[in-house]
Amino acid sequence: MRGEGVVAGRAERAAPDRIAGLATRCRLVLLEMIHRAGSGHAGSSLSCTDIISVLRFGEMDWSADRSTGDVFVLSKGHAAPAWYAALIVGGDLPAEEIGTLRALDSRLQGHPDRTRLGLVDVSTGALGQGLSVAVGRAVARRLHGRDSTVYCLLGDGECQEGQVWEAFLYAGANRVSGLVAIIDHNDSQSDGAVGDILPLCPLPDKLRAFGWHVAQVDGHDHGELRDALRRREPGRPAAIIARTRKGRLGPGRVLLDGSHSDLPSAAEYAAAVDYLETLLDTPHD
């Protein structure tokens, strides 16, 4: 697969009208990775593919040299295939690595591992820890006078963890700027609906009470995501609650009925690929 939007190591930000196609390519890649690996969290990866695509291809100051630019923390680390797919579509990783997901000694582990892949800013996997690291990275950048942003993508089920709320409290009380927490609010976790297990509502009011600037968006609407990422209040951390659908392939089309970690059958995989390829001008290669 040819890399998209990369010039001299630093990513060229894609025009908004191109990001939908890039997101579709990411879905194709992550599904192929999971299909070939025989395991992986397809539903959780698909729910945040639009969020990751808007960040990686449109809004982040991204360079393959991770000593500069913005920081991305995938706190919901089980959605690693979505991030790996964006790296492959963006030309940061070779397409040959599509078949190495979760393989022994692979750089593409089931959860992001910085010791194996330098394009991962923070190793994650134990839910609830990523936001604390993101807060620390944002504070450090402020102390060093760096004008950059730390983005942290969390799951809504993950927000039941106490450590997440300690991080929300600290960042709000200390007005940690340059920090954006995006909550992938698909209302589904490994053992049921988030609202049935431990409701988060009223989540926006709670975050505002903690001192955060809060926006609520359709997490599959690239325009809404882009506007929320750009319209942050200076001097405060920002939280974006992105309403999503687990397993979303496209408008009105969901894979595995929103399952958290089920593996698509060969027939389901083939049907998903056929559908996604119809969304592209050229066949998937």
Protein backbone atom coordinates (compact mmCIF):
# COMPACT_ATOMS: atom_id res chain seq x y z
CA MET A 1 0.00 0.00 0.00
CA ARG A 2 1.29 3.44 -0.90
CA GLY A 3 1.85 5.87 1.98
CA GLU A 4 -0.52 8.83 2.15
CA GLY A 5 0.31 12.39 3.14
CA VAL A 6 3.97 12.14 4.16
CA VAL A 7 6.68 14.55 3.04
CA ALA A 8 10.29 14.40 4.24
CA GLY A 9 9.42 12.60 7.47
CA ARG A 10 6.87 15.16 8.66
CA ALA A 11 3.24 14.48 7.90
CA GLU A 12 1.53 16.82 5.50
CA ARG A 13 -1.94 17.47 6.87
CA ALA A 14 -4.57 16.05 4.58
CA ALA A 15 -7.42 18.17 3.27
CA PRO A 16 -10.67 17.47 5.14
CA ASP A 17 -12.29 15.94 2.06
CA ARG A 18 -9.53 13.30 1.88
CA ILE A 19 -9.72 12.10 5.46
CA ALA A 20 -12.87 10.04 4.92
CA GLY A 21 -11.05 7.97 2.32
CA LEU A 22 -8.02 7.61 4.57
CA ALA A 23 -10.27 6.42 7.41
CA THR A 24 -11.80 3.82 5.11
CA ARG A 25 -8.33 2.60 4.16
CA CYS A 26 -7.48 2.37 7.86
CA ARG A 27 -10.54 0.19 8.42
CA LEU A 28 -9.51 -2.10 5.60
CA VAL A 29 -5.98 -2.41 6.97
CA LEU A 30 -6.97 -3.04 10.58
CA LEU A 31 -9.49 -5.68 9.55
CA GLU A 32 -6.88 -7.42 7.42
CA MET A 33 -4.45 -7.34 10.35
CA ILE A 34 -6.96 -8.89 12.72
CA HIS A 35 -8.13 -11.43 10.14
CA ARG A 36 -4.59 -12.60 9.45
CA ALA A 37 -3.68 -12.65 13.15
CA GLY A 38 -6.80 -14.59 14.09
CA SER A 39 -7.36 -12.31 17.08
CA GLY A 40 -7.74 -8.68 18.02
CA HIS A 41 -10.37 -6.17 19.10
CA ALA A 42 -12.10 -5.34 15.83
CA GLY A 43 -15.13 -3.61 17.34
CA SER A 44 -13.12 -1.38 19.66
CA SER A 45 -10.68 -0.47 16.89
CA LEU A 46 -13.43 0.39 14.42
CA SER A 47 -15.24 2.65 16.88
CA CYS A 48 -12.25 4.98 17.16
CA THR A 49 -10.91 4.83 13.59
CA ASP A 50 -12.51 8.14 12.63
CA ILE A 51 -11.09 9.83 15.72
CA ILE A 52 -7.60 8.52 15.04
CA SER A 53 -7.82 9.42 11.35
CA VAL A 54 -8.82 13.02 12.05
CA LEU A 55 -5.94 13.30 14.52
CA ARG A 56 -3.21 11.56 12.53
CA PHE A 57 -4.04 12.91 9.08
CA GLY A 58 -5.63 16.26 9.88
CA GLU A 59 -4.96 17.82 13.27
CA MET A 60 -1.79 16.49 14.87
CA ASP A 61 1.64 17.95 14.31
CA TRP A 62 3.02 14.53 13.47
CA SER A 63 6.50 13.43 12.53
CA ALA A 64 8.01 9.97 12.43
CA ASP A 65 10.78 11.55 14.52
CA ARG A 66 8.92 11.37 17.82
CA SER A 67 11.25 13.84 19.55
CA THR A 68 9.19 16.66 18.05
CA GLY A 69 5.54 17.43 17.42
CA ASP A 70 2.42 16.44 19.30
CA VAL A 71 2.03 13.37 21.52
CA PHE A 72 -0.61 10.65 21.17
CA VAL A 73 -1.49 8.33 24.05
CA LEU A 74 -3.78 5.43 23.16
CA SER A 75 -5.02 4.75 26.67
CA LYS A 76 -7.53 2.19 25.34
CA GLY A 77 -4.58 0.12 24.20
CA HIS A 78 -6.64 -2.82 22.95
CA ALA A 79 -7.55 -0.62 19.96
CA ALA A 80 -3.93 -0.73 18.82
CA PRO A 81 -4.86 -2.07 15.34
CA ALA A 82 -6.54 1.26 14.58
CA TRP A 83 -3.33 3.14 15.39
CA TYR A 84 -1.11 0.69 13.51
CA ALA A 85 -3.42 0.99 10.50
CA ALA A 86 -3.07 4.78 10.54
CA LEU A 87 0.71 4.43 10.65
CA ILE A 88 0.64 2.06 7.67
CA VAL A 89 -1.78 4.18 5.63
CA GLY A 90 0.28 7.25 6.51
CA GLY A 91 3.48 5.64 5.28
CA ASP A 92 5.19 5.45 8.68
CA LEU A 93 5.17 1.64 8.64
CA PRO A 94 5.60 -0.71 5.67
CA ALA A 95 2.54 -2.57 4.45
CA GLU A 96 4.48 -5.82 4.86
CA GLU A 97 3.89 -5.55 8.60
CA ILE A 98 0.14 -5.95 8.20
CA GLY A 99 0.60 -9.70 8.66
CA THR A 100 2.63 -9.40 11.87
CA LEU A 101 -0.02 -8.25 14.36
CA ARG A 102 0.38 -10.11 17.67
CA ALA A 103 3.11 -12.33 16.25
CA LEU A 104 6.06 -13.36 18.41
CA ASP A 105 8.79 -10.69 18.25
CA SER A 106 6.58 -8.42 16.11
CA ARG A 107 6.68 -4.65 16.55
CA LEU A 108 2.87 -4.68 16.37
CA GLN A 109 1.84 -6.20 19.66
CA GLY A 110 -1.74 -6.59 20.84
CA HIS A 111 -1.27 -3.44 22.92
CA PRO A 112 1.09 -0.56 22.04
CA ASP A 113 4.65 -1.26 23.17
CA ARG A 114 7.11 1.60 22.90
CA THR A 115 10.06 -0.71 23.55
CA ARG A 116 9.27 -2.48 20.26
CA LEU A 117 7.89 0.37 18.16
CA GLY A 118 9.26 3.90 18.45
CA LEU A 119 6.18 5.31 16.71
CA VAL A 120 4.28 4.56 19.93
CA ASP A 121 4.64 7.47 22.35
CA VAL A 122 3.46 5.58 25.45
CA SER A 123 3.12 1.85 26.16
CA THR A 124 -0.44 1.11 27.26
CA GLY A 125 -2.72 -1.82 27.93
CA ALA A 126 -3.64 -1.65 31.61
CA LEU A 127 -6.77 0.47 31.36
CA GLY A 128 -6.98 3.69 33.36
CA GLN A 129 -3.32 4.66 33.26
CA GLY A 130 -2.94 6.52 29.99
CA LEU A 131 -4.50 9.82 31.05
CA SER A 132 -2.15 10.13 34.03
CA VAL A 133 0.83 9.73 31.70
CA ALA A 134 -0.70 12.24 29.27
CA VAL A 135 -1.12 14.77 32.07
CA GLY A 136 2.51 14.33 33.05
CA ARG A 137 3.67 14.75 29.46
CA ALA A 138 1.60 17.92 29.09
CA VAL A 139 2.98 19.39 32.32
CA ALA A 140 6.55 18.56 31.26
CA ARG A 141 6.07 20.23 27.88
CA ARG A 142 4.70 23.34 29.54
CA LEU A 143 7.69 23.48 31.89
CA HIS A 144 10.04 23.18 28.91
CA GLY A 145 8.19 25.87 26.99
CA ARG A 146 7.10 23.57 24.18
CA ASP A 147 4.10 24.68 22.15
CA SER A 148 2.61 21.28 21.44
CA THR A 149 -0.44 19.23 22.35
CA VAL A 150 -0.81 15.90 24.11
CA TYR A 151 -3.81 13.90 22.91
CA CYS A 152 -5.15 10.99 24.96
CA LEU A 153 -7.81 8.61 23.63
CA LEU A 154 -9.75 6.76 26.33
CA GLY A 155 -12.59 4.26 26.32
CA ASP A 156 -15.78 5.03 28.21
CA GLY A 157 -15.64 1.77 30.14
CA GLU A 158 -12.09 2.71 31.06
CA CYS A 159 -13.47 5.86 32.70
CA GLN A 160 -14.85 3.67 35.48
CA GLU A 161 -11.26 3.38 36.75
CA GLY A 162 -10.43 5.55 39.76
CA GLN A 163 -7.04 6.62 38.42
CA VAL A 164 -8.74 8.29 35.46
CA TRP A 165 -10.62 10.59 37.81
CA GLU A 166 -7.49 11.44 39.77
CA ALA A 167 -5.96 12.56 36.49
CA PHE A 168 -9.08 14.53 35.53
CA LEU A 169 -9.04 16.21 38.95
CA TYR A 170 -5.34 17.11 38.85
CA ALA A 171 -5.38 18.45 35.30
CA GLY A 172 -8.46 20.58 35.90
CA ALA A 173 -7.29 21.96 39.24
CA ASN A 174 -3.89 22.87 37.79
CA ARG A 175 -5.27 24.18 34.50
CA VAL A 176 -3.02 21.91 32.48
CA SER A 177 -3.20 23.38 29.00
CA GLY A 178 -2.10 21.63 25.83
CA LEU A 179 -3.96 18.49 26.92
CA VAL A 180 -6.90 16.95 25.05
CA ALA A 181 -8.70 13.88 26.39
CA ILE A 182 -10.98 12.23 23.83
CA ILE A 183 -13.45 9.73 25.22
CA ASP A 184 -14.59 7.07 22.76
CA HIS A 185 -18.14 6.90 24.10
CA ASN A 186 -19.54 3.79 22.42
CA ASP A 187 -21.42 2.70 25.58
CA SER A 188 -20.00 -0.80 25.36
CA GLN A 189 -17.33 -2.64 27.32
CA SER A 190 -16.14 -6.22 27.51
CA ASP A 191 -18.99 -7.48 29.67
CA GLY A 192 -21.94 -5.33 28.64
CA ALA A 193 -23.25 -1.81 28.24
CA VAL A 194 -21.39 0.89 30.16
CA GLY A 195 -24.69 2.39 31.27
CA ASP A 196 -25.77 -0.92 32.80
CA ILE A 197 -22.50 -1.75 34.54
CA LEU A 198 -21.45 1.58 36.04
CA PRO A 199 -23.07 4.65 34.46
CA LEU A 200 -20.91 7.69 33.79
CA CYS A 201 -23.78 10.14 33.34
CA PRO A 202 -23.81 13.06 33.61
CA LEU A 203 -20.27 12.85 32.24
CA PRO A 204 -20.10 16.38 30.73
CA ASP A 205 -21.22 17.97 34.01
CA LYS A 206 -18.69 15.97 36.00
CA LEU A 207 -15.81 17.02 33.76
CA ARG A 208 -16.87 20.67 33.80
CA ALA A 209 -17.04 20.53 37.60
CA PHE A 210 -13.43 19.31 37.53
CA GLY A 211 -12.39 22.38 35.54
CA TRP A 212 -12.27 20.98 32.01
CA HIS A 213 -13.52 22.58 28.81
CA VAL A 214 -15.99 20.03 27.41
CA ALA A 215 -17.35 19.39 23.93
CA GLN A 216 -19.75 16.67 22.84
CA VAL A 217 -19.61 15.44 19.25
CA ASP A 218 -20.58 12.67 16.88
CA GLY A 219 -17.36 10.66 16.91
CA HIS A 220 -17.87 9.58 13.31
CA ASP A 221 -18.44 13.12 12.00
CA HIS A 222 -15.06 14.43 10.93
CA GLY A 223 -16.26 18.02 10.80
CA GLU A 224 -17.54 17.94 14.37
CA LEU A 225 -14.35 16.30 15.58
CA ARG A 226 -12.20 18.84 13.78
CA ASP A 227 -14.17 21.80 15.15
CA ALA A 228 -13.99 20.49 18.72
CA LEU A 229 -10.25 19.92 18.45
CA ARG A 230 -9.72 23.47 17.22
CA ARG A 231 -12.13 25.34 19.49
CA ARG A 232 -10.47 24.69 22.80
CA GLU A 233 -10.50 27.18 25.64
CA PRO A 234 -7.02 28.61 26.36
CA GLY A 235 -5.49 27.81 29.73
CA ARG A 236 -7.59 24.72 30.44
CA PRO A 237 -7.49 21.04 29.53
CA ALA A 238 -10.07 19.96 26.97
CA ALA A 239 -12.29 16.90 26.99
CA ILE A 240 -14.12 15.73 23.88
CA ILE A 241 -16.89 13.20 24.45
CA ALA A 242 -17.20 11.44 21.10
CA ARG A 243 -20.37 9.40 20.68
CA THR A 244 -19.46 6.35 18.60
CA ARG A 245 -20.68 2.92 17.58
CA LYS A 246 -18.53 -0.10 18.29
CA GLY A 247 -17.75 -1.99 15.09
CA ARG A 248 -18.79 0.84 12.77
CA LEU A 249 -17.79 0.36 9.14
CA GLY A 250 -19.72 3.26 7.65
CA PRO A 251 -23.14 4.93 7.60
CA GLY A 252 -25.67 2.40 8.85
CA ARG A 253 -23.18 -0.47 8.69
CA VAL A 254 -21.80 -2.20 11.81
CA LEU A 255 -19.63 -5.31 12.08
CA LEU A 256 -20.37 -8.02 14.67
CA ASP A 257 -23.29 -6.02 16.08
CA GLY A 258 -20.91 -3.88 18.09
CA SER A 259 -19.08 -6.72 19.85
CA HIS A 260 -16.09 -5.77 22.00
CA SER A 261 -13.59 -8.42 20.92
CA ASP A 262 -15.25 -11.07 18.76
CA LEU A 263 -13.38 -12.15 15.64
CA PRO A 264 -15.21 -11.72 12.31
CA SER A 265 -15.81 -14.97 10.46
CA ALA A 266 -14.33 -15.37 6.99
CA ALA A 267 -17.70 -14.49 5.48
CA GLU A 268 -18.15 -11.44 7.72
CA TYR A 269 -14.64 -10.27 6.91
CA ALA A 270 -15.18 -10.66 3.17
CA ALA A 271 -18.48 -8.78 3.33
CA ALA A 272 -16.88 -5.96 5.32
CA VAL A 273 -14.04 -5.65 2.81
CA ASP A 274 -16.49 -5.58 -0.10
CA TYR A 275 -18.50 -2.85 1.61
CA LEU A 276 -15.47 -0.71 2.46
CA GLU A 277 -14.07 -1.03 -1.04
CA THR A 278 -17.31 0.39 -2.43
CA LEU A 279 -16.57 3.53 -0.41
CA LEU A 280 -13.28 4.05 -2.21
CA ASP A 281 -12.71 5.32 -5.73
CA THR A 282 -10.15 2.58 -6.36
CA PRO A 283 -10.02 -1.01 -5.10
CA HIS A 284 -8.12 -1.77 -1.92
CA ASP A 285 -4.60 -2.97 -2.66
